[in-house]
Amino acid sequence: MRRSLAVNKQQWIDQLGLQAHIEGGYFKRSFASQQFSADPAGDEERLSLTCIYYMLSDDSPLGYWHRNRSDIVHFFHQGAALDYYLLQPDGVLSRHVLGSDAAAGEVLQLAVPGGTWKCTHLSVGEYGLISEAVVPGFEYADMELGSVSQLSAQFPQHTALFERYCKPAG
């Protein structure tokens, strides 16, 4: 007898061992390569690849504005689609939807170059579950959360998005 494939948010959190993430949502590191490579700044050796599970949910629907030094590829798995805003260093803003409905323009994977500001939003549904592969491997020292004042000073044309998707101060 085949079991139902319907899994809810709490079942994924429990099954994958997800924890709250400083960027918003939930995560767990699922892989850390034992191979090493130079970091993006070139000043030390780093794990060549790390992977995480990452989930936004109806109780934590925002992945706040942040940037990483490393390149990241996001892979959609399950649940509702996730909206991504990407802001390039030159101020060019783009919107992408990571999900399974190709007819609606959703994509199954999204590559984000290091140094790109990004935020993520779950607008409908109970959860959206993805994985991320980070090259070279993720280190918290490489991640920077954005603030409304910092980002608005650099990119005033996008202040409304910063006010909506930056992590609240304090």
Protein backbone atom coordinates (compact mmCIF):
# COMPACT_ATOMS: atom_id res chain seq x y z
CA MET A 1 0.00 0.00 0.00
CA ARG A 2 1.41 3.38 -1.01
CA ARG A 3 1.60 6.09 1.64
CA SER A 4 0.37 9.61 1.05
CA LEU A 5 3.04 11.97 -0.26
CA ALA A 6 1.47 14.94 1.56
CA VAL A 7 3.89 16.17 4.20
CA ASN A 8 3.22 19.25 6.27
CA LYS A 9 5.60 21.94 7.50
CA GLN A 10 6.14 20.44 10.96
CA GLN A 11 6.84 16.99 9.54
CA TRP A 12 9.60 18.43 7.32
CA ILE A 13 11.04 20.42 10.23
CA ASP A 14 11.12 17.29 12.38
CA GLN A 15 12.29 14.85 9.67
CA LEU A 16 15.10 17.10 8.42
CA GLY A 17 16.04 18.50 11.84
CA LEU A 18 15.56 22.11 10.71
CA GLN A 19 16.42 24.99 13.05
CA ALA A 20 15.60 28.71 12.93
CA HIS A 21 18.00 30.65 10.67
CA ILE A 22 19.31 34.18 11.27
CA GLU A 23 18.19 35.09 7.70
CA GLY A 24 14.63 33.93 8.49
CA GLY A 25 13.02 30.57 7.89
CA TYR A 26 14.55 27.24 8.89
CA PHE A 27 17.67 25.35 7.78
CA LYS A 28 20.04 22.48 8.37
CA ARG A 29 23.42 21.81 6.82
CA SER A 30 23.09 18.55 4.90
CA PHE A 31 26.58 18.26 3.40
CA ALA A 32 30.08 19.64 3.87
CA SER A 33 32.74 18.60 1.38
CA GLN A 34 36.04 17.42 2.75
CA GLN A 35 37.77 18.97 -0.28
CA PHE A 36 39.25 22.44 0.11
CA SER A 37 39.62 25.45 -2.19
CA ALA A 38 40.48 29.14 -1.91
CA ASP A 39 37.74 31.39 -0.52
CA PRO A 40 36.25 34.20 -2.65
CA ALA A 41 38.64 36.75 -1.11
CA GLY A 42 41.56 34.37 -1.68
CA ASP A 43 42.97 34.72 1.83
CA GLU A 44 42.40 31.21 3.23
CA GLU A 45 41.34 27.69 2.30
CA ARG A 46 37.68 26.79 2.57
CA LEU A 47 35.48 23.76 2.20
CA SER A 48 34.86 23.58 -1.54
CA LEU A 49 31.09 22.96 -1.19
CA THR A 50 28.39 23.00 1.46
CA CYS A 51 24.67 22.27 1.12
CA ILE A 52 21.67 23.05 3.27
CA TYR A 53 17.98 22.41 3.40
CA TYR A 54 16.11 25.70 3.71
CA MET A 55 12.42 26.32 4.33
CA LEU A 56 10.25 29.40 4.53
CA SER A 57 6.92 28.82 6.20
CA ASP A 58 3.71 30.60 7.09
CA ASP A 59 5.17 31.37 10.56
CA SER A 60 8.53 32.53 9.12
CA PRO A 61 7.79 33.65 5.53
CA LEU A 62 10.76 35.99 4.91
CA GLY A 63 14.37 35.37 4.03
CA TYR A 64 15.68 38.85 4.90
CA TRP A 65 17.91 40.95 2.64
CA HIS A 66 21.44 39.57 2.83
CA ARG A 67 24.41 38.77 0.65
CA ASN A 68 27.08 36.09 0.63
CA ARG A 69 30.58 36.17 -0.77
CA SER A 70 30.15 32.72 -2.34
CA ASP A 71 28.02 31.65 -5.30
CA ILE A 72 24.83 29.82 -4.33
CA VAL A 73 22.51 27.61 -6.37
CA HIS A 74 18.98 27.17 -4.98
CA PHE A 75 16.99 24.01 -5.85
CA PHE A 76 13.21 23.78 -5.37
CA HIS A 77 11.86 20.63 -3.71
CA GLN A 78 8.39 20.83 -2.25
CA GLY A 79 5.51 23.06 -1.21
CA ALA A 80 4.66 26.54 -2.43
CA ALA A 81 6.80 28.67 -4.72
CA LEU A 82 9.24 31.21 -3.27
CA ASP A 83 9.69 34.75 -4.62
CA TYR A 84 13.28 35.99 -4.86
CA TYR A 85 14.51 39.53 -5.34
CA LEU A 86 18.11 39.81 -6.49
CA LEU A 87 19.94 43.13 -6.37
CA GLN A 88 23.21 43.36 -8.28
CA PRO A 89 26.06 45.59 -7.06
CA ASP A 90 25.20 48.08 -9.84
CA GLY A 91 21.60 48.45 -8.53
CA VAL A 92 19.86 46.30 -11.14
CA LEU A 93 16.93 44.50 -9.47
CA SER A 94 15.35 41.28 -10.74
CA ARG A 95 12.55 39.05 -9.48
CA HIS A 96 12.49 35.26 -9.85
CA VAL A 97 10.08 32.57 -8.66
CA LEU A 98 11.50 29.25 -7.50
CA GLY A 99 8.82 26.57 -7.84
CA SER A 100 7.50 23.71 -9.94
CA ASP A 101 4.97 25.47 -12.22
CA ALA A 102 6.98 26.03 -15.40
CA ALA A 103 3.86 27.23 -17.23
CA ALA A 104 3.64 30.12 -14.74
CA GLY A 105 7.31 31.00 -15.29
CA GLU A 106 8.61 29.32 -12.15
CA VAL A 107 12.08 27.74 -12.22
CA LEU A 108 13.41 24.67 -10.43
CA GLN A 109 16.82 26.18 -9.74
CA LEU A 110 18.25 29.65 -9.36
CA ALA A 111 21.93 30.59 -9.37
CA VAL A 112 22.92 33.66 -7.34
CA PRO A 113 26.46 35.01 -7.83
CA GLY A 114 28.46 35.94 -4.74
CA GLY A 115 28.09 39.61 -3.78
CA THR A 116 24.44 39.77 -4.88
CA TRP A 117 21.93 41.09 -2.36
CA LYS A 118 18.86 38.83 -2.12
CA CYS A 119 15.68 38.31 -0.19
CA THR A 120 13.04 35.61 -0.37
CA HIS A 121 9.33 35.57 0.39
CA LEU A 122 6.70 32.87 0.78
CA SER A 123 3.51 34.62 -0.29
CA VAL A 124 1.05 31.70 -0.19
CA GLY A 125 0.91 28.23 1.29
CA GLU A 126 2.21 26.56 4.43
CA TYR A 127 5.85 26.21 3.33
CA GLY A 128 8.35 26.17 0.50
CA LEU A 129 11.27 23.74 0.83
CA ILE A 130 14.51 24.12 -1.11
CA SER A 131 18.16 23.15 -0.96
CA GLU A 132 21.15 25.42 -1.48
CA ALA A 133 24.62 24.48 -2.71
CA VAL A 134 27.32 27.03 -1.79
CA VAL A 135 30.69 27.20 -3.58
CA PRO A 136 33.09 27.65 -1.87
CA GLY A 137 31.38 26.41 1.27
CA PHE A 138 29.26 28.70 3.43
CA GLU A 139 30.77 30.43 6.45
CA TYR A 140 28.76 32.85 8.61
CA ALA A 141 31.61 35.36 8.34
CA ASP A 142 30.83 35.57 4.59
CA MET A 143 27.16 36.49 5.11
CA GLU A 144 25.97 40.05 5.67
CA LEU A 145 22.42 40.99 6.68
CA GLY A 146 21.23 44.24 5.14
CA SER A 147 19.55 47.09 6.99
CA VAL A 148 17.03 49.55 5.60
CA SER A 149 19.34 52.52 6.23
CA GLN A 150 22.42 50.83 4.72
CA LEU A 151 20.71 49.54 1.58
CA SER A 152 18.56 52.65 1.04
CA ALA A 153 21.65 54.86 1.18
CA GLN A 154 23.17 52.78 -1.64
CA PHE A 155 20.03 52.04 -3.64
CA PRO A 156 17.33 54.62 -2.77
CA GLN A 157 15.16 53.54 -5.69
CA HIS A 158 14.45 50.24 -3.88
CA THR A 159 13.72 51.58 -0.37
CA ALA A 160 10.17 50.17 -0.30
CA LEU A 161 11.53 46.63 -0.80
CA PHE A 162 14.14 47.15 1.92
CA GLU A 163 11.48 48.37 4.34
CA ARG A 164 9.38 45.31 3.58
CA TYR A 165 12.11 42.63 3.59
CA CYS A 166 14.96 43.74 5.90
CA LYS A 167 15.27 42.10 9.28
CA PRO A 168 13.81 44.45 11.91
CA ALA A 169 16.43 46.20 14.05
CA GLY A 170 16.95 44.78 17.54
